[in-house]
C-alpha atoms as a PDB file:
ATOM      1  CA  MET A   1       0.000   0.000   0.000  1.00  0.00           C
ATOM      2  CA  ALA A   2       1.400   3.352  -1.036  1.00  0.00           C
ATOM      3  CA  LEU A   3       1.898   6.061   1.541  1.00  0.00           C
ATOM      4  CA  SER A   4      -0.056   9.276   1.241  1.00  0.00           C
ATOM      5  CA  LYS A   5       1.802  12.529   0.740  1.00  0.00           C
ATOM      6  CA  GLU A   6       0.897  13.678   4.255  1.00  0.00           C
ATOM      7  CA  LYS A   7       2.185  10.410   5.762  1.00  0.00           C
ATOM      8  CA  LYS A   8       5.453  10.721   3.825  1.00  0.00           C
ATOM      9  CA  GLN A   9       5.904  14.295   5.064  1.00  0.00           C
ATOM     10  CA  SER A  10       5.220  13.172   8.622  1.00  0.00           C
ATOM     11  CA  ILE A  11       7.780  10.346   8.386  1.00  0.00           C
ATOM     12  CA  SER A  12      10.356  12.640   6.795  1.00  0.00           C
ATOM     13  CA  ALA A  13       9.799  15.217   9.546  1.00  0.00           C
ATOM     14  CA  GLN A  14      10.327  12.501  12.167  1.00  0.00           C
ATOM     15  CA  TYR A  15      13.605  11.494  10.485  1.00  0.00           C
ATOM     16  CA  GLU A  16      14.735  15.131  10.441  1.00  0.00           C
ATOM     17  CA  GLN A  17      13.924  15.506  14.142  1.00  0.00           C
ATOM     18  CA  TRP A  18      15.970  12.387  14.973  1.00  0.00           C
ATOM     19  CA  LEU A  19      18.883  13.672  12.906  1.00  0.00           C
ATOM     20  CA  GLY A  20      18.707  17.087  14.537  1.00  0.00           C
ATOM     21  CA  ASP A  21      18.620  15.678  18.081  1.00  0.00           C
ATOM     22  CA  ALA A  22      21.354  13.050  17.626  1.00  0.00           C
ATOM     23  CA  GLU A  23      25.034  13.791  18.209  1.00  0.00           C
ATOM     24  CA  ALA A  24      25.944  10.827  15.985  1.00  0.00           C
ATOM     25  CA  VAL A  25      24.138   8.784  13.321  1.00  0.00           C
ATOM     26  CA  PHE A  26      25.209   5.359  12.042  1.00  0.00           C
ATOM     27  CA  LEU A  27      23.792   3.873   8.846  1.00  0.00           C
ATOM     28  CA  THR A  28      23.525   0.092   8.745  1.00  0.00           C
ATOM     29  CA  GLU A  29      22.225  -2.696   6.561  1.00  0.00           C
ATOM     30  CA  TYR A  30      20.151  -5.367   8.262  1.00  0.00           C
ATOM     31  CA  SER A  31      19.170  -7.859   5.518  1.00  0.00           C
ATOM     32  CA  GLY A  32      18.103 -11.201   6.937  1.00  0.00           C
ATOM     33  CA  LEU A  33      18.024 -10.131  10.587  1.00  0.00           C
ATOM     34  CA  SER A  34      15.353 -11.942  12.602  1.00  0.00           C
ATOM     35  CA  MET A  35      12.902  -9.947  14.690  1.00  0.00           C
ATOM     36  CA  PRO A  36      14.221 -11.270  18.047  1.00  0.00           C
ATOM     37  CA  ALA A  37      17.767 -10.324  16.991  1.00  0.00           C
ATOM     38  CA  PHE A  38      16.507  -6.913  15.863  1.00  0.00           C
ATOM     39  CA  ASP A  39      14.890  -6.402  19.271  1.00  0.00           C
ATOM     40  CA  GLU A  40      18.132  -7.440  20.992  1.00  0.00           C
ATOM     41  CA  LEU A  41      20.084  -4.872  18.951  1.00  0.00           C
ATOM     42  CA  ARG A  42      17.569  -2.157  19.845  1.00  0.00           C
ATOM     43  CA  LYS A  43      17.864  -3.111  23.531  1.00  0.00           C
ATOM     44  CA  ARG A  44      21.678  -2.906  23.457  1.00  0.00           C
ATOM     45  CA  ILE A  45      21.590   0.505  21.802  1.00  0.00           C
ATOM     46  CA  ARG A  46      18.922   1.800  24.202  1.00  0.00           C
ATOM     47  CA  GLU A  47      21.138   0.766  27.139  1.00  0.00           C
ATOM     48  CA  VAL A  48      23.823   3.236  25.981  1.00  0.00           C
ATOM     49  CA  GLY A  49      21.401   6.095  25.344  1.00  0.00           C
ATOM     50  CA  GLY A  50      20.580   5.612  21.683  1.00  0.00           C
ATOM     51  CA  GLU A  51      17.856   4.409  19.359  1.00  0.00           C
ATOM     52  CA  PHE A  52      17.762   2.126  16.321  1.00  0.00           C
ATOM     53  CA  HIS A  53      15.170   2.612  13.567  1.00  0.00           C
ATOM     54  CA  VAL A  54      14.463   1.222  10.117  1.00  0.00           C
ATOM     55  CA  ILE A  55      14.122   3.985   7.540  1.00  0.00           C
ATOM     56  CA  LYS A  56      12.771   4.247   4.029  1.00  0.00           C
ATOM     57  CA  ASN A  57      15.647   5.137   1.715  1.00  0.00           C
ATOM     58  CA  THR A  58      13.829   7.740  -0.377  1.00  0.00           C
ATOM     59  CA  LEU A  59      12.420   9.543   2.650  1.00  0.00           C
ATOM     60  CA  GLY A  60      15.726   9.141   4.457  1.00  0.00           C
ATOM     61  CA  ARG A  61      17.574  10.730   1.547  1.00  0.00           C
ATOM     62  CA  ARG A  62      15.250  13.755   1.739  1.00  0.00           C
ATOM     63  CA  ALA A  63      15.575  14.023   5.521  1.00  0.00           C
ATOM     64  CA  PHE A  64      19.368  13.760   5.469  1.00  0.00           C
ATOM     65  CA  LYS A  65      19.552  16.442   2.787  1.00  0.00           C
ATOM     66  CA  ALA A  66      17.144  18.724   4.679  1.00  0.00           C
ATOM     67  CA  ALA A  67      19.141  18.234   7.897  1.00  0.00           C
ATOM     68  CA  GLY A  68      22.398  19.170   6.132  1.00  0.00           C
ATOM     69  CA  PHE A  69      24.010  15.731   5.889  1.00  0.00           C
ATOM     70  CA  ASP A  70      25.830  14.755   2.703  1.00  0.00           C
ATOM     71  CA  VAL A  71      25.104  11.027   2.439  1.00  0.00           C
ATOM     72  CA  PRO A  72      26.645   9.018  -0.419  1.00  0.00           C
ATOM     73  CA  GLU A  73      23.988   7.371  -2.614  1.00  0.00           C
ATOM     74  CA  ALA A  74      25.398   3.888  -1.926  1.00  0.00           C
ATOM     75  CA  ASP A  75      24.707   4.264   1.802  1.00  0.00           C
ATOM     76  CA  LEU A  76      20.964   4.590   1.177  1.00  0.00           C
ATOM     77  CA  LEU A  77      20.494   1.478  -0.935  1.00  0.00           C
ATOM     78  CA  GLY A  78      19.057  -1.832   0.204  1.00  0.00           C
ATOM     79  CA  SER A  79      17.676  -2.339   3.689  1.00  0.00           C
ATOM     80  CA  THR A  80      18.707   0.636   5.790  1.00  0.00           C
ATOM     81  CA  ALA A  81      18.447   1.278   9.505  1.00  0.00           C
ATOM     82  CA  ILE A  82      19.989   4.086  11.519  1.00  0.00           C
ATOM     83  CA  GLY A  83      21.555   3.992  14.934  1.00  0.00           C
ATOM     84  CA  LEU A  84      21.128   7.308  16.714  1.00  0.00           C
ATOM     85  CA  ALA A  85      23.406   8.359  19.566  1.00  0.00           C
ATOM     86  CA  PHE A  86      21.892  11.071  21.728  1.00  0.00           C
ATOM     87  CA  SER A  87      24.522  11.124  24.476  1.00  0.00           C
ATOM     88  CA  ASP A  88      27.252   8.485  23.981  1.00  0.00           C
ATOM     89  CA  ALA A  89      28.410   8.159  20.373  1.00  0.00           C
ATOM     90  CA  PRO A  90      31.234   5.672  21.110  1.00  0.00           C
ATOM     91  CA  GLY A  91      28.815   3.556  23.158  1.00  0.00           C
ATOM     92  CA  VAL A  92      26.306   3.270  20.312  1.00  0.00           C
ATOM     93  CA  ALA A  93      29.096   2.621  17.789  1.00  0.00           C
ATOM     94  CA  LYS A  94      30.459  -0.122  20.063  1.00  0.00           C
ATOM     95  CA  ALA A  95      27.017  -1.694  20.503  1.00  0.00           C
ATOM     96  CA  LEU A  96      26.532  -1.753  16.714  1.00  0.00           C
ATOM     97  CA  SER A  97      30.051  -3.063  16.015  1.00  0.00           C
ATOM     98  CA  ASP A  98      29.815  -5.795  18.646  1.00  0.00           C
ATOM     99  CA  PHE A  99      26.410  -6.873  17.364  1.00  0.00           C
ATOM    100  CA  ALA A 100      27.641  -6.847  13.748  1.00  0.00           C
ATOM    101  CA  LYS A 101      30.467  -9.212  14.754  1.00  0.00           C
ATOM    102  CA  ASP A 102      27.918 -11.681  16.153  1.00  0.00           C
ATOM    103  CA  GLN A 103      25.305 -11.251  13.414  1.00  0.00           C
ATOM    104  CA  GLU A 104      26.429 -11.296   9.800  1.00  0.00           C
ATOM    105  CA  ALA A 105      23.067  -9.812   8.786  1.00  0.00           C
ATOM    106  CA  VAL A 106      24.061  -6.426  10.248  1.00  0.00           C
ATOM    107  CA  LYS A 107      26.637  -4.421   8.310  1.00  0.00           C
ATOM    108  CA  ILE A 108      27.733  -0.906   9.189  1.00  0.00           C
ATOM    109  CA  LYS A 109      27.707   1.298   6.084  1.00  0.00           C
ATOM    110  CA  SER A 110      28.882   4.661   7.455  1.00  0.00           C
ATOM    111  CA  GLY A 111      28.004   7.322   9.962  1.00  0.00           C
ATOM    112  CA  PHE A 112      28.105  10.939  11.014  1.00  0.00           C
ATOM    113  CA  LEU A 113      29.581  12.497  14.118  1.00  0.00           C
ATOM    114  CA  GLY A 114      27.881  15.861  14.244  1.00  0.00           C
ATOM    115  CA  LYS A 115      27.787  16.708  10.547  1.00  0.00           C
ATOM    116  CA  ASP A 116      31.153  15.062   9.809  1.00  0.00           C
ATOM    117  CA  TYR A 117      31.032  11.963   7.625  1.00  0.00           C
ATOM    118  CA  LEU A 118      32.513   8.762   9.045  1.00  0.00           C
ATOM    119  CA  SER A 119      33.491   5.833   6.865  1.00  0.00           C
ATOM    120  CA  LYS A 120      32.930   2.260   8.034  1.00  0.00           C
ATOM    121  CA  GLN A 121      36.530   2.214   9.325  1.00  0.00           C
ATOM    122  CA  ASP A 122      35.996   5.497  11.200  1.00  0.00           C
ATOM    123  CA  VAL A 123      32.935   4.037  12.911  1.00  0.00           C
ATOM    124  CA  SER A 124      34.996   0.988  13.913  1.00  0.00           C
ATOM    125  CA  ARG A 125      37.680   3.268  15.392  1.00  0.00           C
ATOM    126  CA  LEU A 126      35.034   5.266  17.249  1.00  0.00           C
ATOM    127  CA  ALA A 127      33.733   1.992  18.696  1.00  0.00           C
ATOM    128  CA  THR A 128      37.131   1.311  20.276  1.00  0.00           C
ATOM    129  CA  LEU A 129      36.960   4.462  22.397  1.00  0.00           C
ATOM    130  CA  PRO A 130      36.040   3.881  26.033  1.00  0.00           C
ATOM    131  CA  ALA A 131      32.465   4.467  27.152  1.00  0.00           C
ATOM    132  CA  LEU A 132      31.447   7.902  28.439  1.00  0.00           C
ATOM    133  CA  PRO A 133      31.496   6.980  32.173  1.00  0.00           C
ATOM    134  CA  VAL A 134      35.038   5.591  31.783  1.00  0.00           C
ATOM    135  CA  VAL A 135      36.215   8.746  30.010  1.00  0.00           C
ATOM    136  CA  ARG A 136      34.665  10.881  32.739  1.00  0.00           C
ATOM    137  CA  SER A 137      36.407   8.918  35.493  1.00  0.00           C
ATOM    138  CA  GLN A 138      39.730   9.109  33.646  1.00  0.00           C
ATOM    139  CA  PHE A 139      39.293  12.856  33.241  1.00  0.00           C
ATOM    140  CA  LEU A 140      38.474  13.321  36.923  1.00  0.00           C
ATOM    141  CA  ALA A 141      41.514  11.256  37.898  1.00  0.00           C
ATOM    142  CA  LEU A 142      43.625  13.423  35.616  1.00  0.00           C
ATOM    143  CA  LEU A 143      42.280  16.587  37.265  1.00  0.00           C
ATOM    144  CA  ASN A 144      42.603  15.163  40.775  1.00  0.00           C
ATOM    145  CA  THR A 145      46.232  13.956  40.488  1.00  0.00           C
ATOM    146  CA  PRO A 146      47.951  17.392  40.468  1.00  0.00           C
ATOM    147  CA  ALA A 147      45.810  18.571  43.394  1.00  0.00           C
ATOM    148  CA  THR A 148      46.710  15.476  45.419  1.00  0.00           C
ATOM    149  CA  GLN A 149      50.388  15.931  44.657  1.00  0.00           C
ATOM    150  CA  LEU A 150      50.195  19.617  45.632  1.00  0.00           C
ATOM    151  CA  VAL A 151      48.606  18.766  48.980  1.00  0.00           C
ATOM    152  CA  ARG A 152      51.328  16.205  49.679  1.00  0.00           C
ATOM    153  CA  LEU A 153      54.029  18.713  48.732  1.00  0.00           C
ATOM    154  CA  LEU A 154      52.581  21.413  50.988  1.00  0.00           C
ATOM    155  CA  ASN A 155      52.170  19.012  53.915  1.00  0.00           C
ATOM    156  CA  GLU A 156      55.711  17.614  53.736  1.00  0.00           C
ATOM    157  CA  PRO A 157      57.613  20.530  55.421  1.00  0.00           C
ATOM    158  CA  GLY A 158      55.057  20.669  58.235  1.00  0.00           C
ATOM    159  CA  ARG A 159      55.304  16.904  58.707  1.00  0.00           C
ATOM    160  CA  ARG A 160      59.093  17.117  58.921  1.00  0.00           C
ATOM    161  CA  VAL A 161      58.961  19.953  61.484  1.00  0.00           C
ATOM    162  CA  ALA A 162      56.464  17.957  63.551  1.00  0.00           C
ATOM    163  CA  GLN A 163      58.741  14.910  63.344  1.00  0.00           C
ATOM    164  CA  VAL A 164      61.765  16.955  64.581  1.00  0.00           C
ATOM    165  CA  ILE A 165      59.743  18.423  67.481  1.00  0.00           C
ATOM    166  CA  LYS A 166      58.466  14.956  68.415  1.00  0.00           C
ATOM    167  CA  THR A 167      61.999  13.508  68.366  1.00  0.00           C
ATOM    168  CA  ASN A 168      63.340  16.361  70.536  1.00  0.00           C
ATOM    169  CA  ALA A 169      60.450  15.964  72.991  1.00  0.00           C
ATOM    170  CA  GLU A 170      61.150  12.247  73.272  1.00  0.00           C
ATOM    171  CA  LYS A 171      64.871  12.932  73.918  1.00  0.00           C
ATOM    172  CA  ALA A 172      64.042  15.530  76.576  1.00  0.00           C
ATOM    173  CA  THR A 173      61.766  13.176  78.490  1.00  0.00           C
ATOM    174  CA  ALA A 174      64.240  10.285  78.327  1.00  0.00           C
END
């Protein structure tokens, strides 16, 4: 059954909203993927703050163009689904890459980080980055280390003076 013009505009507008809200978009092929496996992939992506949706290529092409993305024609051929990262782009890329390793039916075509195009290899490299909570903890440790060292440095002369006074007091009482 053909879609009405109004329905097509509504779907295209939804695609544009997703593209505008996402910090990263990953285009995938999903030919031959069973529905339970599809649901599992959606669950994994949702766990890292993303979404996974099947799109119609023609409407997707319009939405990508309207949103300012320059998508190669080959990336919008065949069965196409998009992974959307709203908060953790490396996390969504990792979820897609890990799932694609287990399921041959899923193939990553390309992606976008912001408006920058990412090839399949770029998406794979992005997937190797640590997850957002790990990066945050590493950053906090990096910020905390100089402060800890400064406190130790400032306390050292006082500790030495206290040690000398304690030693002299012990000698005087003995």
